[in-house]
Amino acid sequence: MSTRYDEMNCHAQCQRCNQYGAGEQYKHGKMIDALHGEGHADYL
C-alpha cells in the first residue's frame, strides 16, 4: 500500500508484460532508473 499509488512506481504496460510476464520487474526497474535517475527503483 505504501507504493500502490506512487506515480513513479506505475507506468503504462502491455498485458503480456504485466499480466503474463510478472510485470517484467527487472526491466521495469531499469526503466524507472532511466526515467527518474539511478537508485529510484531501489528507493521504491
PDB file of all heavy atoms in Angstrom:
ATOM      1  N   MET A   1       0.808  -1.222   0.000  1.00  0.00           N
ATOM      2  CA  MET A   1       0.000   0.000   0.000  1.00  0.00           C
ATOM      3  C   MET A   1       0.845   1.277   0.000  1.00  0.00           C
ATOM      4  O   MET A   1       0.405   2.297  -0.509  1.00  0.00           O
ATOM      5  CB  MET A   1      -0.961   0.003   1.203  1.00  0.00           C
ATOM      6  CG  MET A   1      -2.059  -1.040   1.108  1.00  0.00           C
ATOM      7  SD  MET A   1      -3.062  -0.935  -0.395  1.00  0.00           S
ATOM      8  CE  MET A   1      -3.891   0.625  -0.147  1.00  0.00           C
ATOM      9  N   SER A   2       2.054   1.215   0.539  1.00  0.00           N
ATOM     10  CA  SER A   2       2.863   2.431   0.611  1.00  0.00           C
ATOM     11  C   SER A   2       3.344   2.903  -0.758  1.00  0.00           C
ATOM     12  O   SER A   2       3.694   4.070  -0.921  1.00  0.00           O
ATOM     13  CB  SER A   2       4.051   2.230   1.555  1.00  0.00           C
ATOM     14  OG  SER A   2       4.814   1.124   1.140  1.00  0.00           O
ATOM     15  N   THR A   3       3.346   2.023  -1.765  1.00  0.00           N
ATOM     16  CA  THR A   3       3.732   2.438  -3.117  1.00  0.00           C
ATOM     17  C   THR A   3       2.618   2.181  -4.139  1.00  0.00           C
ATOM     18  O   THR A   3       2.809   2.446  -5.324  1.00  0.00           O
ATOM     19  CB  THR A   3       5.023   1.710  -3.580  1.00  0.00           C
ATOM     20  OG1 THR A   3       4.869   0.301  -3.388  1.00  0.00           O
ATOM     21  CG2 THR A   3       6.231   2.212  -2.820  1.00  0.00           C
ATOM     22  N   ARG A   4       1.492   1.724  -3.693  1.00  0.00           N
ATOM     23  CA  ARG A   4       0.386   1.389  -4.604  1.00  0.00           C
ATOM     24  C   ARG A   4      -0.023   2.580  -5.463  1.00  0.00           C
ATOM     25  O   ARG A   4      -0.302   2.427  -6.655  1.00  0.00           O
ATOM     26  CB  ARG A   4      -0.816   0.894  -3.792  1.00  0.00           C
ATOM     27  CG  ARG A   4      -1.963   0.394  -4.653  1.00  0.00           C
ATOM     28  CD  ARG A   4      -3.131  -0.040  -3.764  1.00  0.00           C
ATOM     29  NE  ARG A   4      -4.153  -0.708  -4.518  1.00  0.00           N
ATOM     30  CZ  ARG A   4      -4.545  -1.954  -4.307  1.00  0.00           C
ATOM     31  NH1 ARG A   4      -3.997  -2.670  -3.350  1.00  0.00           N
ATOM     32  NH2 ARG A   4      -5.502  -2.484  -5.037  1.00  0.00           N
ATOM     33  N   TYR A   5      -0.061   3.773  -4.892  1.00  0.00           N
ATOM     34  CA  TYR A   5      -0.499   4.958  -5.622  1.00  0.00           C
ATOM     35  C   TYR A   5       0.661   5.927  -5.898  1.00  0.00           C
ATOM     36  O   TYR A   5       0.436   7.095  -6.161  1.00  0.00           O
ATOM     37  CB  TYR A   5      -1.629   5.660  -4.865  1.00  0.00           C
ATOM     38  CG  TYR A   5      -2.819   4.750  -4.658  1.00  0.00           C
ATOM     39  CD1 TYR A   5      -3.191   4.349  -3.378  1.00  0.00           C
ATOM     40  CD2 TYR A   5      -3.552   4.262  -5.736  1.00  0.00           C
ATOM     41  CE1 TYR A   5      -4.278   3.492  -3.185  1.00  0.00           C
ATOM     42  CE2 TYR A   5      -4.628   3.403  -5.547  1.00  0.00           C
ATOM     43  CZ  TYR A   5      -4.984   3.030  -4.269  1.00  0.00           C
ATOM     44  OH  TYR A   5      -6.052   2.184  -4.089  1.00  0.00           O
ATOM     45  N   ASP A   6       1.863   5.417  -5.865  1.00  0.00           N
ATOM     46  CA  ASP A   6       3.052   6.216  -6.175  1.00  0.00           C
ATOM     47  C   ASP A   6       3.203   6.282  -7.694  1.00  0.00           C
ATOM     48  O   ASP A   6       3.384   5.264  -8.351  1.00  0.00           O
ATOM     49  CB  ASP A   6       4.292   5.580  -5.538  1.00  0.00           C
ATOM     50  CG  ASP A   6       5.531   6.438  -5.659  1.00  0.00           C
ATOM     51  OD1 ASP A   6       5.763   7.020  -6.738  1.00  0.00           O
ATOM     52  OD2 ASP A   6       6.285   6.503  -4.672  1.00  0.00           O
ATOM     53  N   GLU A   7       3.134   7.474  -8.260  1.00  0.00           N
ATOM     54  CA  GLU A   7       3.180   7.647  -9.709  1.00  0.00           C
ATOM     55  C   GLU A   7       4.492   7.176 -10.323  1.00  0.00           C
ATOM     56  O   GLU A   7       4.520   6.761 -11.482  1.00  0.00           O
ATOM     57  CB  GLU A   7       2.933   9.108 -10.067  1.00  0.00           C
ATOM     58  CG  GLU A   7       1.561   9.587  -9.674  1.00  0.00           C
ATOM     59  CD  GLU A   7       1.379  11.075  -9.906  1.00  0.00           C
ATOM     60  OE1 GLU A   7       1.844  11.577 -10.946  1.00  0.00           O
ATOM     61  OE2 GLU A   7       0.770  11.730  -9.042  1.00  0.00           O
ATOM     62  N   MET A   8       5.571   7.228  -9.569  1.00  0.00           N
ATOM     63  CA  MET A   8       6.857   6.775 -10.074  1.00  0.00           C
ATOM     64  C   MET A   8       6.906   5.242 -10.136  1.00  0.00           C
ATOM     65  O   MET A   8       7.686   4.670 -10.890  1.00  0.00           O
ATOM     66  CB  MET A   8       7.988   7.303  -9.176  1.00  0.00           C
ATOM     67  CG  MET A   8       9.359   7.117  -9.740  1.00  0.00           C
ATOM     68  SD  MET A   8      10.684   7.948  -8.828  1.00  0.00           S
ATOM     69  CE  MET A   8      10.168   7.966  -7.145  1.00  0.00           C
ATOM     70  N   ASN A   9       6.067   4.574  -9.380  1.00  0.00           N
ATOM     71  CA  ASN A   9       6.035   3.116  -9.291  1.00  0.00           C
ATOM     72  C   ASN A   9       5.188   2.479 -10.394  1.00  0.00           C
ATOM     73  O   ASN A   9       5.168   1.267 -10.536  1.00  0.00           O
ATOM     74  CB  ASN A   9       5.479   2.703  -7.919  1.00  0.00           C
ATOM     75  CG  ASN A   9       5.529   1.217  -7.678  1.00  0.00           C
ATOM     76  OD1 ASN A   9       6.563   0.576  -7.830  1.00  0.00           O
ATOM     77  ND2 ASN A   9       4.384   0.654  -7.301  1.00  0.00           N
ATOM     78  N   CYS A  10       4.487   3.265 -11.163  1.00  0.00           N
ATOM     79  CA  CYS A  10       3.497   2.730 -12.089  1.00  0.00           C
ATOM     80  C   CYS A  10       3.603   3.389 -13.461  1.00  0.00           C
ATOM     81  O   CYS A  10       3.735   4.610 -13.558  1.00  0.00           O
ATOM     82  CB  CYS A  10       2.117   2.970 -11.495  1.00  0.00           C
ATOM     83  SG  CYS A  10       0.823   1.997 -12.241  1.00  0.00           S
ATOM     84  N   HIS A  11       3.532   2.555 -14.509  1.00  0.00           N
ATOM     85  CA  HIS A  11       3.651   3.040 -15.882  1.00  0.00           C
ATOM     86  C   HIS A  11       2.763   2.210 -16.799  1.00  0.00           C
ATOM     87  O   HIS A  11       2.412   1.071 -16.480  1.00  0.00           O
ATOM     88  CB  HIS A  11       5.108   2.944 -16.348  1.00  0.00           C
ATOM     89  CG  HIS A  11       6.031   3.756 -15.515  1.00  0.00           C
ATOM     90  ND1 HIS A  11       6.611   3.272 -14.370  1.00  0.00           N
ATOM     91  CD2 HIS A  11       6.441   5.037 -15.640  1.00  0.00           C
ATOM     92  CE1 HIS A  11       7.345   4.219 -13.818  1.00  0.00           C
ATOM     93  NE2 HIS A  11       7.261   5.297 -14.565  1.00  0.00           N
ATOM     94  N   ALA A  12       2.448   2.782 -17.971  1.00  0.00           N
ATOM     95  CA  ALA A  12       1.686   2.026 -18.971  1.00  0.00           C
ATOM     96  C   ALA A  12       2.481   0.789 -19.355  1.00  0.00           C
ATOM     97  O   ALA A  12       3.689   0.862 -19.606  1.00  0.00           O
ATOM     98  CB  ALA A  12       1.417   2.899 -20.191  1.00  0.00           C
ATOM     99  N   GLN A  13       1.794  -0.329 -19.362  1.00  0.00           N
ATOM    100  CA  GLN A  13       2.444  -1.599 -19.663  1.00  0.00           C
ATOM    101  C   GLN A  13       1.450  -2.491 -20.406  1.00  0.00           C
ATOM    102  O   GLN A  13       0.263  -2.503 -20.079  1.00  0.00           O
ATOM    103  CB  GLN A  13       2.897  -2.263 -18.353  1.00  0.00           C
ATOM    104  CG  GLN A  13       3.937  -3.335 -18.518  1.00  0.00           C
ATOM    105  CD  GLN A  13       4.509  -3.789 -17.177  1.00  0.00           C
ATOM    106  OE1 GLN A  13       3.804  -3.862 -16.181  1.00  0.00           O
ATOM    107  NE2 GLN A  13       5.782  -4.113 -17.180  1.00  0.00           N
ATOM    108  N   CYS A  14       1.949  -3.210 -21.406  1.00  0.00           N
ATOM    109  CA  CYS A  14       1.063  -4.114 -22.148  1.00  0.00           C
ATOM    110  C   CYS A  14       0.660  -5.286 -21.236  1.00  0.00           C
ATOM    111  O   CYS A  14       1.346  -5.601 -20.264  1.00  0.00           O
ATOM    112  CB  CYS A  14       1.735  -4.613 -23.427  1.00  0.00           C
ATOM    113  SG  CYS A  14       3.098  -5.769 -23.177  1.00  0.00           S
ATOM    114  N   GLN A  15      -0.453  -5.900 -21.581  1.00  0.00           N
ATOM    115  CA  GLN A  15      -0.944  -7.013 -20.765  1.00  0.00           C
ATOM    116  C   GLN A  15       0.014  -8.195 -20.781  1.00  0.00           C
ATOM    117  O   GLN A  15       0.149  -8.899 -19.781  1.00  0.00           O
ATOM    118  CB  GLN A  15      -2.332  -7.441 -21.242  1.00  0.00           C
ATOM    119  CG  GLN A  15      -3.386  -6.407 -20.934  1.00  0.00           C
ATOM    120  CD  GLN A  15      -4.761  -6.823 -21.402  1.00  0.00           C
ATOM    121  OE1 GLN A  15      -4.941  -7.826 -22.092  1.00  0.00           O
ATOM    122  NE2 GLN A  15      -5.763  -6.037 -21.033  1.00  0.00           N
ATOM    123  N   ARG A  16       0.686  -8.403 -21.899  1.00  0.00           N
ATOM    124  CA  ARG A  16       1.630  -9.529 -21.973  1.00  0.00           C
ATOM    125  C   ARG A  16       2.723  -9.374 -20.926  1.00  0.00           C
ATOM    126  O   ARG A  16       3.030 -10.313 -20.182  1.00  0.00           O
ATOM    127  CB  ARG A  16       2.237  -9.618 -23.371  1.00  0.00           C
ATOM    128  CG  ARG A  16       3.163 -10.804 -23.569  1.00  0.00           C
ATOM    129  CD  ARG A  16       3.666 -10.872 -25.002  1.00  0.00           C
ATOM    130  NE  ARG A  16       4.097  -9.552 -25.458  1.00  0.00           N
ATOM    131  CZ  ARG A  16       5.356  -9.209 -25.698  1.00  0.00           C
ATOM    132  NH1 ARG A  16       6.304 -10.087 -25.587  1.00  0.00           N
ATOM    133  NH2 ARG A  16       5.658  -8.001 -26.082  1.00  0.00           N
ATOM    134  N   CYS A  17       3.304  -8.188 -20.834  1.00  0.00           N
ATOM    135  CA  CYS A  17       4.361  -7.968 -19.832  1.00  0.00           C
ATOM    136  C   CYS A  17       3.803  -7.936 -18.412  1.00  0.00           C
ATOM    137  O   CYS A  17       4.364  -8.544 -17.506  1.00  0.00           O
ATOM    138  CB  CYS A  17       5.106  -6.665 -20.120  1.00  0.00           C
ATOM    139  SG  CYS A  17       6.186  -6.718 -21.560  1.00  0.00           S
ATOM    140  N   ASN A  18       2.701  -7.208 -18.219  1.00  0.00           N
ATOM    141  CA  ASN A  18       2.177  -7.003 -16.874  1.00  0.00           C
ATOM    142  C   ASN A  18       1.536  -8.251 -16.290  1.00  0.00           C
ATOM    143  O   ASN A  18       1.835  -8.641 -15.163  1.00  0.00           O
ATOM    144  CB  ASN A  18       1.178  -5.847 -16.870  1.00  0.00           C
ATOM    145  CG  ASN A  18       0.746  -5.447 -15.478  1.00  0.00           C
ATOM    146  OD1 ASN A  18       1.550  -5.391 -14.564  1.00  0.00           O
ATOM    147  ND2 ASN A  18      -0.529  -5.179 -15.313  1.00  0.00           N
ATOM    148  N   GLN A  19       0.652  -8.877 -17.052  1.00  0.00           N
ATOM    149  CA  GLN A  19      -0.117  -9.988 -16.506  1.00  0.00           C
ATOM    150  C   GLN A  19       0.554 -11.345 -16.698  1.00  0.00           C
ATOM    151  O   GLN A  19       0.512 -12.192 -15.822  1.00  0.00           O
ATOM    152  CB  GLN A  19      -1.509 -10.016 -17.135  1.00  0.00           C
ATOM    153  CG  GLN A  19      -2.323  -8.799 -16.767  1.00  0.00           C
ATOM    154  CD  GLN A  19      -3.690  -8.798 -17.433  1.00  0.00           C
ATOM    155  OE1 GLN A  19      -4.239  -9.844 -17.758  1.00  0.00           O
ATOM    156  NE2 GLN A  19      -4.237  -7.613 -17.643  1.00  0.00           N
ATOM    157  N   TYR A  20       1.165 -11.533 -17.852  1.00  0.00           N
ATOM    158  CA  TYR A  20       1.722 -12.856 -18.159  1.00  0.00           C
ATOM    159  C   TYR A  20       3.231 -12.912 -17.964  1.00  0.00           C
ATOM    160  O   TYR A  20       3.800 -13.989 -17.910  1.00  0.00           O
ATOM    161  CB  TYR A  20       1.343 -13.268 -19.585  1.00  0.00           C
ATOM    162  CG  TYR A  20      -0.150 -13.197 -19.799  1.00  0.00           C
ATOM    163  CD1 TYR A  20      -0.694 -12.245 -20.646  1.00  0.00           C
ATOM    164  CD2 TYR A  20      -1.013 -14.047 -19.114  1.00  0.00           C
ATOM    165  CE1 TYR A  20      -2.068 -12.156 -20.826  1.00  0.00           C
ATOM    166  CE2 TYR A  20      -2.384 -13.966 -19.282  1.00  0.00           C
ATOM    167  CZ  TYR A  20      -2.904 -13.016 -20.148  1.00  0.00           C
ATOM    168  OH  TYR A  20      -4.258 -12.923 -20.305  1.00  0.00           O
ATOM    169  N   GLY A  21       3.863 -11.754 -17.858  1.00  0.00           N
ATOM    170  CA  GLY A  21       5.309 -11.706 -17.663  1.00  0.00           C
ATOM    171  C   GLY A  21       5.693 -11.233 -16.278  1.00  0.00           C
ATOM    172  O   GLY A  21       6.787 -10.714 -16.066  1.00  0.00           O
ATOM    173  N   ALA A  22       4.778 -11.365 -15.316  1.00  0.00           N
ATOM    174  CA  ALA A  22       5.022 -10.971 -13.915  1.00  0.00           C
ATOM    175  C   ALA A  22       5.487  -9.527 -13.810  1.00  0.00           C
ATOM    176  O   ALA A  22       6.258  -9.167 -12.934  1.00  0.00           O
ATOM    177  CB  ALA A  22       6.012 -11.921 -13.254  1.00  0.00           C
ATOM    178  N   GLY A  23       5.022  -8.683 -14.735  1.00  0.00           N
ATOM    179  CA  GLY A  23       5.356  -7.264 -14.688  1.00  0.00           C
ATOM    180  C   GLY A  23       6.742  -6.938 -15.205  1.00  0.00           C
ATOM    181  O   GLY A  23       7.134  -5.784 -15.208  1.00  0.00           O
ATOM    182  N   GLU A  24       7.482  -7.965 -15.660  1.00  0.00           N
ATOM    183  CA  GLU A  24       8.856  -7.734 -16.144  1.00  0.00           C
ATOM    184  C   GLU A  24       9.583  -6.803 -15.166  1.00  0.00           C
ATOM    185  O   GLU A  24      10.152  -5.785 -15.539  1.00  0.00           O
ATOM    186  CB  GLU A  24       8.843  -7.141 -17.553  1.00  0.00           C
ATOM    187  CG  GLU A  24       8.319  -8.072 -18.610  1.00  0.00           C
ATOM    188  CD  GLU A  24       9.263  -9.216 -18.961  1.00  0.00           C
ATOM    189  OE1 GLU A  24      10.390  -9.270 -18.425  1.00  0.00           O
ATOM    190  OE2 GLU A  24       8.862 -10.061 -19.768  1.00  0.00           O
ATOM    191  N   GLN A  25       9.554  -7.188 -13.898  1.00  0.00           N
ATOM    192  CA  GLN A  25      10.023  -6.311 -12.821  1.00  0.00           C
ATOM    193  C   GLN A  25      11.454  -5.810 -13.023  1.00  0.00           C
ATOM    194  O   GLN A  25      11.729  -4.638 -12.794  1.00  0.00           O
ATOM    195  CB  GLN A  25       9.887  -7.000 -11.468  1.00  0.00           C
ATOM    196  CG  GLN A  25      10.132  -6.040 -10.326  1.00  0.00           C
ATOM    197  CD  GLN A  25       9.968  -6.675  -8.970  1.00  0.00           C
ATOM    198  OE1 GLN A  25      10.286  -7.839  -8.776  1.00  0.00           O
ATOM    199  NE2 GLN A  25       9.482  -5.899  -8.024  1.00  0.00           N
ATOM    200  N   TYR A  26      12.354  -6.669 -13.451  1.00  0.00           N
ATOM    201  CA  TYR A  26      13.740  -6.232 -13.634  1.00  0.00           C
ATOM    202  C   TYR A  26      13.824  -5.128 -14.690  1.00  0.00           C
ATOM    203  O   TYR A  26      14.429  -4.077 -14.454  1.00  0.00           O
ATOM    204  CB  TYR A  26      14.633  -7.414 -14.036  1.00  0.00           C
ATOM    205  CG  TYR A  26      16.064  -7.016 -14.285  1.00  0.00           C
ATOM    206  CD1 TYR A  26      16.934  -6.767 -13.224  1.00  0.00           C
ATOM    207  CD2 TYR A  26      16.541  -6.851 -15.584  1.00  0.00           C
ATOM    208  CE1 TYR A  26      18.245  -6.375 -13.450  1.00  0.00           C
ATOM    209  CE2 TYR A  26      17.849  -6.462 -15.820  1.00  0.00           C
ATOM    210  CZ  TYR A  26      18.694  -6.226 -14.751  1.00  0.00           C
ATOM    211  OH  TYR A  26      19.986  -5.830 -14.977  1.00  0.00           O
ATOM    212  N   LYS A  27      13.192  -5.351 -15.850  1.00  0.00           N
ATOM    213  CA  LYS A  27      13.192  -4.342 -16.910  1.00  0.00           C
ATOM    214  C   LYS A  27      12.504  -3.066 -16.445  1.00  0.00           C
ATOM    215  O   LYS A  27      12.943  -1.964 -16.760  1.00  0.00           O
ATOM    216  CB  LYS A  27      12.494  -4.868 -18.167  1.00  0.00           C
ATOM    217  CG  LYS A  27      13.239  -5.942 -18.898  1.00  0.00           C
ATOM    218  CD  LYS A  27      12.416  -6.389 -20.105  1.00  0.00           C
ATOM    219  CE  LYS A  27      13.032  -7.567 -20.813  1.00  0.00           C
ATOM    220  NZ  LYS A  27      12.158  -8.039 -21.915  1.00  0.00           N
ATOM    221  N   HIS A  28      11.400  -3.229 -15.722  1.00  0.00           N
ATOM    222  CA  HIS A  28      10.648  -2.079 -15.221  1.00  0.00           C
ATOM    223  C   HIS A  28      11.543  -1.238 -14.296  1.00  0.00           C
ATOM    224  O   HIS A  28      11.590  -0.012 -14.407  1.00  0.00           O
ATOM    225  CB  HIS A  28       9.390  -2.542 -14.503  1.00  0.00           C
ATOM    226  CG  HIS A  28       8.342  -1.488 -14.351  1.00  0.00           C
ATOM    227  ND1 HIS A  28       7.040  -1.792 -14.073  1.00  0.00           N
ATOM    228  CD2 HIS A  28       8.383  -0.137 -14.421  1.00  0.00           C
ATOM    229  CE1 HIS A  28       6.329  -0.675 -13.972  1.00  0.00           C
ATOM    230  NE2 HIS A  28       7.133   0.346 -14.180  1.00  0.00           N
ATOM    231  N   GLY A  29      12.258  -1.905 -13.410  1.00  0.00           N
ATOM    232  CA  GLY A  29      13.166  -1.200 -12.504  1.00  0.00           C
ATOM    233  C   GLY A  29      14.254  -0.453 -13.247  1.00  0.00           C
ATOM    234  O   GLY A  29      14.598   0.691 -12.894  1.00  0.00           O
ATOM    235  N   LYS A  30      14.812  -1.066 -14.280  1.00  0.00           N
ATOM    236  CA  LYS A  30      15.839  -0.404 -15.098  1.00  0.00           C
ATOM    237  C   LYS A  30      15.274   0.852 -15.760  1.00  0.00           C
ATOM    238  O   LYS A  30      15.943   1.887 -15.835  1.00  0.00           O
ATOM    239  CB  LYS A  30      16.394  -1.358 -16.159  1.00  0.00           C
ATOM    240  CG  LYS A  30      17.225  -2.488 -15.595  1.00  0.00           C
ATOM    241  CD  LYS A  30      18.420  -1.943 -14.894  1.00  0.00           C
ATOM    242  CE  LYS A  30      19.684  -2.651 -15.281  1.00  0.00           C
ATOM    243  NZ  LYS A  30      20.818  -2.134 -14.518  1.00  0.00           N
ATOM    244  N   MET A  31      14.045   0.756 -16.259  1.00  0.00           N
ATOM    245  CA  MET A  31      13.424   1.908 -16.910  1.00  0.00           C
ATOM    246  C   MET A  31      13.084   3.016 -15.899  1.00  0.00           C
ATOM    247  O   MET A  31      13.186   4.195 -16.226  1.00  0.00           O
ATOM    248  CB  MET A  31      12.164   1.474 -17.672  1.00  0.00           C
ATOM    249  CG  MET A  31      12.465   0.658 -18.914  1.00  0.00           C
ATOM    250  SD  MET A  31      13.601   1.504 -20.066  1.00  0.00           S
ATOM    251  CE  MET A  31      12.657   2.966 -20.479  1.00  0.00           C
ATOM    252  N   ILE A  32      12.712   2.639 -14.697  1.00  0.00           N
ATOM    253  CA  ILE A  32      12.456   3.648 -13.659  1.00  0.00           C
ATOM    254  C   ILE A  32      13.742   4.433 -13.386  1.00  0.00           C
ATOM    255  O   ILE A  32      13.718   5.656 -13.296  1.00  0.00           O
ATOM    256  CB  ILE A  32      11.892   2.997 -12.379  1.00  0.00           C
ATOM    257  CG1 ILE A  32      10.434   2.599 -12.603  1.00  0.00           C
ATOM    258  CG2 ILE A  32      12.020   3.928 -11.163  1.00  0.00           C
ATOM    259  CD1 ILE A  32       9.822   1.763 -11.511  1.00  0.00           C
ATOM    260  N   ASP A  33      14.857   3.720 -13.265  1.00  0.00           N
ATOM    261  CA  ASP A  33      16.139   4.401 -13.052  1.00  0.00           C
ATOM    262  C   ASP A  33      16.502   5.281 -14.245  1.00  0.00           C
ATOM    263  O   ASP A  33      17.034   6.383 -14.071  1.00  0.00           O
ATOM    264  CB  ASP A  33      17.252   3.393 -12.775  1.00  0.00           C
ATOM    265  CG  ASP A  33      17.212   2.853 -11.349  1.00  0.00           C
ATOM    266  OD1 ASP A  33      16.481   3.407 -10.503  1.00  0.00           O
ATOM    267  OD2 ASP A  33      17.928   1.868 -11.079  1.00  0.00           O
ATOM    268  N   ALA A  34      16.205   4.827 -15.452  1.00  0.00           N
ATOM    269  CA  ALA A  34      16.499   5.623 -16.647  1.00  0.00           C
ATOM    270  C   ALA A  34      15.635   6.883 -16.699  1.00  0.00           C
ATOM    271  O   ALA A  34      16.107   7.956 -17.080  1.00  0.00           O
ATOM    272  CB  ALA A  34      16.291   4.787 -17.912  1.00  0.00           C
ATOM    273  N   LEU A  35      14.371   6.769 -16.292  1.00  0.00           N
ATOM    274  CA  LEU A  35      13.451   7.905 -16.330  1.00  0.00           C
ATOM    275  C   LEU A  35      13.659   8.892 -15.185  1.00  0.00           C
ATOM    276  O   LEU A  35      13.571  10.108 -15.375  1.00  0.00           O
ATOM    277  CB  LEU A  35      12.000   7.417 -16.278  1.00  0.00           C
ATOM    278  CG  LEU A  35      11.444   6.738 -17.510  1.00  0.00           C
ATOM    279  CD1 LEU A  35      10.107   6.083 -17.185  1.00  0.00           C
ATOM    280  CD2 LEU A  35      11.274   7.751 -18.636  1.00  0.00           C
ATOM    281  N   HIS A  36      13.894   8.373 -13.995  1.00  0.00           N
ATOM    282  CA  HIS A  36      13.887   9.211 -12.793  1.00  0.00           C
ATOM    283  C   HIS A  36      15.252   9.369 -12.135  1.00  0.00           C
ATOM    284  O   HIS A  36      15.381  10.126 -11.178  1.00  0.00           O
ATOM    285  CB  HIS A  36      12.892   8.651 -11.768  1.00  0.00           C
ATOM    286  CG  HIS A  36      11.503   8.531 -12.297  1.00  0.00           C
ATOM    287  ND1 HIS A  36      10.700   9.623 -12.560  1.00  0.00           N
ATOM    288  CD2 HIS A  36      10.764   7.445 -12.630  1.00  0.00           C
ATOM    289  CE1 HIS A  36       9.537   9.213 -13.022  1.00  0.00           C
ATOM    290  NE2 HIS A  36       9.545   7.902 -13.075  1.00  0.00           N
ATOM    291  N   GLY A  37      16.242   8.636 -12.618  1.00  0.00           N
ATOM    292  CA  GLY A  37      17.575   8.725 -12.039  1.00  0.00           C
ATOM    293  C   GLY A  37      17.960   7.443 -11.307  1.00  0.00           C
ATOM    294  O   GLY A  37      17.109   6.765 -10.726  1.00  0.00           O
ATOM    295  N   GLU A  38      19.232   7.148 -11.357  1.00  0.00           N
ATOM    296  CA  GLU A  38      19.773   5.942 -10.731  1.00  0.00           C
ATOM    297  C   GLU A  38      19.380   5.869  -9.255  1.00  0.00           C
ATOM    298  O   GLU A  38      19.441   6.861  -8.536  1.00  0.00           O
ATOM    299  CB  GLU A  38      21.302   5.940 -10.858  1.00  0.00           C
ATOM    300  CG  GLU A  38      21.953   4.629 -10.550  1.00  0.00           C
ATOM    301  CD  GLU A  38      21.634   3.535 -11.561  1.00  0.00           C
ATOM    302  OE1 GLU A  38      21.453   3.838 -12.755  1.00  0.00           O
ATOM    303  OE2 GLU A  38      21.544   2.370 -11.131  1.00  0.00           O
ATOM    304  N   GLY A  39      18.940   4.704  -8.837  1.00  0.00           N
ATOM    305  CA  GLY A  39      18.596   4.483  -7.437  1.00  0.00           C
ATOM    306  C   GLY A  39      17.118   4.602  -7.113  1.00  0.00           C
ATOM    307  O   GLY A  39      16.695   4.250  -6.006  1.00  0.00           O
ATOM    308  N   HIS A  40      16.317   5.075  -8.069  1.00  0.00           N
ATOM    309  CA  HIS A  40      14.892   5.237  -7.778  1.00  0.00           C
ATOM    310  C   HIS A  40      14.168   3.896  -7.622  1.00  0.00           C
ATOM    311  O   HIS A  40      13.245   3.784  -6.820  1.00  0.00           O
ATOM    312  CB  HIS A  40      14.219   6.110  -8.836  1.00  0.00           C
ATOM    313  CG  HIS A  40      14.406   7.563  -8.582  1.00  0.00           C
ATOM    314  ND1 HIS A  40      15.551   8.227  -8.927  1.00  0.00           N
ATOM    315  CD2 HIS A  40      13.620   8.469  -7.970  1.00  0.00           C
ATOM    316  CE1 HIS A  40      15.457   9.483  -8.570  1.00  0.00           C
ATOM    317  NE2 HIS A  40      14.287   9.664  -7.974  1.00  0.00           N
ATOM    318  N   ALA A  41      14.574   2.891  -8.367  1.00  0.00           N
ATOM    319  CA  ALA A  41      13.957   1.566  -8.207  1.00  0.00           C
ATOM    320  C   ALA A  41      14.259   1.006  -6.815  1.00  0.00           C
ATOM    321  O   ALA A  41      13.374   0.456  -6.154  1.00  0.00           O
ATOM    322  CB  ALA A  41      14.441   0.610  -9.296  1.00  0.00           C
ATOM    323  N   ASP A  42      15.505   1.168  -6.362  1.00  0.00           N
ATOM    324  CA  ASP A  42      15.856   0.731  -5.002  1.00  0.00           C
ATOM    325  C   ASP A  42      15.050   1.488  -3.960  1.00  0.00           C
ATOM    326  O   ASP A  42      14.589   0.915  -2.964  1.00  0.00           O
ATOM    327  CB  ASP A  42      17.351   0.923  -4.741  1.00  0.00           C
ATOM    328  CG  ASP A  42      18.220  -0.074  -5.479  1.00  0.00           C
ATOM    329  OD1 ASP A  42      17.714  -1.140  -5.879  1.00  0.00           O
ATOM    330  OD2 ASP A  42      19.419   0.222  -5.660  1.00  0.00           O
ATOM    331  N   TYR A  43      14.883   2.786  -4.180  1.00  0.00           N
ATOM    332  CA  TYR A  43      14.084   3.611  -3.275  1.00  0.00           C
ATOM    333  C   TYR A  43      12.654   3.074  -3.182  1.00  0.00           C
ATOM    334  O   TYR A  43      12.100   2.920  -2.084  1.00  0.00           O
ATOM    335  CB  TYR A  43      14.077   5.071  -3.748  1.00  0.00           C
ATOM    336  CG  TYR A  43      13.013   5.905  -3.101  1.00  0.00           C
ATOM    337  CD1 TYR A  43      13.187   6.405  -1.810  1.00  0.00           C
ATOM    338  CD2 TYR A  43      11.816   6.181  -3.757  1.00  0.00           C
ATOM    339  CE1 TYR A  43      12.184   7.158  -1.201  1.00  0.00           C
ATOM    340  CE2 TYR A  43      10.816   6.932  -3.161  1.00  0.00           C
ATOM    341  CZ  TYR A  43      11.010   7.410  -1.882  1.00  0.00           C
ATOM    342  OH  TYR A  43      10.020   8.149  -1.281  1.00  0.00           O
ATOM    343  N   LEU A  44      12.043   2.776  -4.340  1.00  0.00           N
ATOM    344  CA  LEU A  44      10.667   2.254  -4.342  1.00  0.00           C
ATOM    345  C   LEU A  44      10.577   0.912  -3.634  1.00  0.00           C
ATOM    346  O   LEU A  44       9.604   0.643  -2.929  1.00  0.00           O
ATOM    347  CB  LEU A  44      10.150   2.144  -5.774  1.00  0.00           C
ATOM    348  CG  LEU A  44       9.812   3.466  -6.451  1.00  0.00           C
ATOM    349  CD1 LEU A  44       9.608   3.265  -7.946  1.00  0.00           C
ATOM    350  CD2 LEU A  44       8.594   4.108  -5.815  1.00  0.00           C
TER     351      LEU A  44
END
